[in-house]
């Protein structure tokens, strides 16, 4: 490294002195560029609010106040309003202009209709998606399915939702964007509406569905 006398530096241009100072100190570290796709803030807020609705943190019928949500989530009002609008299209939030915004109520009739429609889509997902799974993804899905089956056999209330989400993975594997765009919000709505009481489920039938699904994925 070339070192100039310090008493001569005052006569040099500012940008030259700045470069020399850098040359005489620890080099500025460099790092590889971050190639991971950046997530939109509205998507992050949507996922947090969705999780809070599905797990009951935000209860059915609970009013949603913008100021409280902004404080809770630590974001501005815009991504909160965007997330609420998306949740509304999913059927998880009810909006009455100038009156209220609240978490949707659970409705047994709506649940039955939505679950029936979703079951039809998942039959199609099994047909379209299983053949598109690569070896690694197939192994991962089967492992997750085995875990979900254990939950169902134990009458764990998380099991039905896990089984729905696994069939959602087959929908994604179909490669059909329109299909995925239809199935995902419906599955999320069914997961929100589904019963929270163990005696509301036919556990043996659900275990049988998991076994049939495993055989279809293996074949």
Protein backbone atom coordinates (compact mmCIF):
# COMPACT_ATOMS: atom_id res chain seq x y z
CA UNK A 1 0.00 0.00 0.00
CA UNK A 2 1.34 3.47 -0.91
CA UNK A 3 1.40 5.84 2.08
CA UNK A 4 1.56 9.60 1.54
CA UNK A 5 2.93 11.98 4.13
CA UNK A 6 0.12 13.22 6.35
CA UNK A 7 1.24 16.83 6.09
CA UNK A 8 0.68 16.74 2.32
CA UNK A 9 -2.93 15.50 2.48
CA UNK A 10 -4.43 18.91 3.22
CA UNK A 11 -3.48 20.06 -0.28
CA UNK A 12 -5.31 17.18 -1.97
CA UNK A 13 -8.92 17.27 -3.22
CA UNK A 14 -11.55 16.13 -0.68
CA UNK A 15 -12.55 12.98 -2.60
CA UNK A 16 -8.85 11.96 -2.79
CA UNK A 17 -8.33 12.43 0.94
CA UNK A 18 -11.47 10.38 1.58
CA UNK A 19 -10.14 7.55 -0.58
CA UNK A 20 -6.76 7.66 1.20
CA UNK A 21 -8.47 7.49 4.60
CA UNK A 22 -10.31 4.36 3.51
CA UNK A 23 -7.02 2.92 2.25
CA UNK A 24 -5.41 3.37 5.68
CA UNK A 25 -8.23 1.78 7.68
CA UNK A 26 -10.04 -1.57 7.78
CA UNK A 27 -11.55 -2.36 4.34
CA UNK A 28 -15.32 -2.05 4.09
CA UNK A 29 -16.72 -5.61 4.16
CA UNK A 30 -18.71 -6.83 1.22
CA UNK A 31 -21.46 -9.43 1.18
CA UNK A 32 -23.29 -11.36 -1.48
CA UNK A 33 -26.45 -9.66 -2.71
CA UNK A 34 -29.71 -10.88 -1.20
CA UNK A 35 -31.44 -12.79 -3.97
CA UNK A 36 -34.48 -13.80 -1.91
CA UNK A 37 -37.70 -12.19 -3.19
CA UNK A 38 -38.90 -9.35 -1.00
CA UNK A 39 -42.35 -9.80 0.49
CA UNK A 40 -44.85 -6.98 0.34
CA UNK A 41 -45.80 -5.56 3.71
CA UNK A 42 -49.49 -6.04 2.93
CA UNK A 43 -48.85 -9.78 2.46
CA UNK A 44 -47.06 -10.01 5.80
CA UNK A 45 -49.92 -8.19 7.52
CA UNK A 46 -52.49 -10.37 5.75
CA UNK A 47 -50.79 -13.56 6.94
CA UNK A 48 -50.58 -12.30 10.53
CA UNK A 49 -54.23 -11.29 10.59
CA UNK A 50 -55.27 -14.52 8.87
CA UNK A 51 -53.42 -16.61 11.47
CA UNK A 52 -55.03 -14.58 14.28
CA UNK A 53 -58.50 -15.16 12.84
CA UNK A 54 -58.03 -18.88 12.23
CA UNK A 55 -56.52 -19.58 15.68
CA UNK A 56 -59.17 -17.49 17.45
CA UNK A 57 -56.98 -14.61 18.62
CA UNK A 58 -59.40 -12.44 16.66
CA UNK A 59 -62.73 -14.04 17.52
CA UNK A 60 -65.76 -14.46 15.21
CA UNK A 61 -67.87 -11.29 15.35
CA UNK A 62 -65.06 -9.20 16.87
CA UNK A 63 -64.93 -5.67 15.56
CA UNK A 64 -61.71 -4.61 13.87
CA UNK A 65 -60.44 -1.13 14.70
CA UNK A 66 -57.84 0.32 12.34
CA UNK A 67 -55.97 2.22 15.04
CA UNK A 68 -55.75 -0.83 17.30
CA UNK A 69 -54.57 -3.04 14.44
CA UNK A 70 -51.95 -0.47 13.38
CA UNK A 71 -50.60 -0.40 16.94
CA UNK A 72 -50.70 -4.18 17.33
CA UNK A 73 -49.01 -4.94 14.00
CA UNK A 74 -46.59 -2.01 14.09
CA UNK A 75 -47.38 -0.84 10.56
CA UNK A 76 -49.15 2.03 8.85
CA UNK A 77 -52.86 2.10 8.08
CA UNK A 78 -52.50 1.29 4.35
CA UNK A 79 -51.28 -2.34 4.58
CA UNK A 80 -53.86 -2.99 7.30
CA UNK A 81 -56.69 -1.78 5.07
CA UNK A 82 -55.32 -3.80 2.15
CA UNK A 83 -55.14 -6.93 4.30
CA UNK A 84 -58.69 -6.40 5.54
CA UNK A 85 -59.92 -6.03 1.96
CA UNK A 86 -58.29 -9.34 1.02
CA UNK A 87 -59.70 -11.07 4.09
CA UNK A 88 -63.11 -9.76 3.04
CA UNK A 89 -62.79 -11.40 -0.38
CA UNK A 90 -61.90 -14.66 1.43
CA UNK A 91 -65.12 -14.40 3.43
CA UNK A 92 -63.32 -14.01 6.76
CA UNK A 93 -64.18 -10.36 7.41
CA UNK A 94 -67.51 -8.56 7.09
CA UNK A 95 -67.53 -4.90 6.05
CA UNK A 96 -70.48 -2.54 6.29
CA UNK A 97 -69.50 0.89 4.95
CA UNK A 98 -69.51 3.60 7.63
CA UNK A 99 -70.81 1.11 10.20
CA UNK A 100 -68.42 -1.68 11.06
CA UNK A 101 -65.62 -4.02 10.05
CA UNK A 102 -65.59 -7.29 11.94
CA UNK A 103 -64.44 -10.89 11.84
CA UNK A 104 -67.06 -13.02 10.11
CA UNK A 105 -69.27 -15.28 12.19
CA UNK A 106 -69.07 -19.04 11.77
CA UNK A 107 -72.05 -20.40 9.84
CA UNK A 108 -72.82 -24.13 9.66
CA UNK A 109 -74.73 -23.84 6.38
CA UNK A 110 -71.95 -21.88 4.68
CA UNK A 111 -69.43 -24.36 6.07
CA UNK A 112 -71.30 -27.36 4.65
CA UNK A 113 -71.55 -25.78 1.20
CA UNK A 114 -67.93 -24.61 1.18
CA UNK A 115 -66.63 -27.98 2.43
CA UNK A 116 -68.58 -29.81 -0.28
CA UNK A 117 -67.15 -27.56 -2.98
CA UNK A 118 -63.63 -27.93 -1.57
CA UNK A 119 -63.93 -31.72 -1.49
CA UNK A 120 -64.69 -31.67 -5.22
CA UNK A 121 -61.65 -29.49 -5.89
CA UNK A 122 -59.44 -31.79 -3.85
CA UNK A 123 -60.62 -34.79 -5.84
CA UNK A 124 -59.39 -32.95 -8.92
CA UNK A 125 -56.17 -31.97 -7.11
CA UNK A 126 -55.43 -35.62 -6.41
CA UNK A 127 -55.87 -36.40 -10.10
CA UNK A 128 -53.85 -33.47 -11.43
CA UNK A 129 -51.26 -32.96 -8.71
CA UNK A 130 -49.90 -36.36 -7.67
CA UNK A 131 -48.33 -37.11 -11.04
CA UNK A 132 -46.45 -33.80 -10.96
CA UNK A 133 -44.68 -34.38 -7.64
CA UNK A 134 -40.94 -34.87 -7.90
CA UNK A 135 -39.25 -37.44 -5.65
CA UNK A 136 -38.19 -34.92 -2.99
CA UNK A 137 -41.58 -33.21 -2.78
CA UNK A 138 -43.37 -36.56 -2.76
CA UNK A 139 -41.27 -37.67 0.22
CA UNK A 140 -41.97 -34.42 2.08
CA UNK A 141 -45.71 -34.59 1.43
CA UNK A 142 -45.89 -38.21 2.56
CA UNK A 143 -44.05 -37.38 5.79
CA UNK A 144 -46.44 -34.51 6.49
CA UNK A 145 -49.38 -36.74 5.65
CA UNK A 146 -48.16 -39.37 8.13
CA UNK A 147 -47.98 -36.69 10.83
CA UNK A 148 -51.50 -35.50 9.97
CA UNK A 149 -52.77 -39.10 10.14
CA UNK A 150 -51.41 -39.43 13.67
CA UNK A 151 -53.25 -36.26 14.63
CA UNK A 152 -56.48 -37.60 13.15
CA UNK A 153 -56.09 -40.96 14.89
CA UNK A 154 -55.60 -39.10 18.18
CA UNK A 155 -58.69 -36.90 17.53
CA UNK A 156 -56.45 -33.83 17.51
CA UNK A 157 -58.42 -30.82 16.28
CA UNK A 158 -55.40 -29.64 14.28
CA UNK A 159 -55.60 -32.79 12.15
CA UNK A 160 -58.50 -31.84 9.85
CA UNK A 161 -56.82 -28.55 8.99
CA UNK A 162 -53.50 -30.27 8.33
CA UNK A 163 -55.24 -32.72 5.98
CA UNK A 164 -56.84 -29.85 4.09
CA UNK A 165 -53.51 -28.05 3.72
CA UNK A 166 -51.80 -31.17 2.37
CA UNK A 167 -54.42 -31.41 -0.33
CA UNK A 168 -53.71 -27.77 -1.00
CA UNK A 169 -50.12 -28.79 -1.75
CA UNK A 170 -51.42 -31.18 -4.42
CA UNK A 171 -53.42 -28.31 -5.87
CA UNK A 172 -50.23 -26.25 -6.17
CA UNK A 173 -48.48 -29.23 -7.77
CA UNK A 174 -51.08 -29.22 -10.54
CA UNK A 175 -49.36 -26.15 -11.99
CA UNK A 176 -52.72 -24.57 -12.82
CA UNK A 177 -52.73 -20.99 -11.50
CA UNK A 178 -56.49 -20.55 -11.89
CA UNK A 179 -57.10 -23.77 -9.97
CA UNK A 180 -54.76 -22.67 -7.18
CA UNK A 181 -56.38 -19.23 -7.04
CA UNK A 182 -59.78 -20.85 -6.54
CA UNK A 183 -58.76 -23.54 -4.07
CA UNK A 184 -56.61 -21.52 -1.66
CA UNK A 185 -59.14 -18.91 -0.45
CA UNK A 186 -61.85 -21.57 -0.26
CA UNK A 187 -59.62 -23.87 1.80
CA UNK A 188 -58.74 -21.02 4.14
CA UNK A 189 -62.42 -20.22 4.57
CA UNK A 190 -63.31 -23.86 5.28
CA UNK A 191 -60.49 -24.06 7.82
CA UNK A 192 -61.91 -20.99 9.54
CA UNK A 193 -65.50 -22.28 9.49
CA UNK A 194 -64.80 -25.89 10.46
CA UNK A 195 -66.03 -27.13 13.87
CA UNK A 196 -63.90 -26.74 16.97
CA UNK A 197 -65.53 -29.65 18.81
CA UNK A 198 -64.02 -33.14 18.57
CA UNK A 199 -67.39 -34.90 18.43
CA UNK A 200 -68.29 -32.98 15.24
CA UNK A 201 -65.89 -35.11 13.16
CA UNK A 202 -66.00 -38.64 11.80
CA UNK A 203 -62.41 -39.39 12.74
CA UNK A 204 -62.38 -42.87 11.18
CA UNK A 205 -63.52 -41.45 7.86
CA UNK A 206 -60.80 -38.78 7.99
CA UNK A 207 -58.13 -41.40 8.72
CA UNK A 208 -59.43 -43.38 5.73
CA UNK A 209 -59.11 -40.26 3.54
CA UNK A 210 -55.50 -39.84 4.71
CA UNK A 211 -54.74 -43.49 3.88
CA UNK A 212 -56.32 -43.22 0.43
CA UNK A 213 -54.38 -40.05 -0.24
CA UNK A 214 -51.11 -41.69 0.80
CA UNK A 215 -51.72 -44.60 -1.59
CA UNK A 216 -52.51 -42.20 -4.43
CA UNK A 217 -49.28 -40.26 -3.82
CA UNK A 218 -47.17 -43.42 -3.62
CA UNK A 219 -48.56 -44.92 -6.83
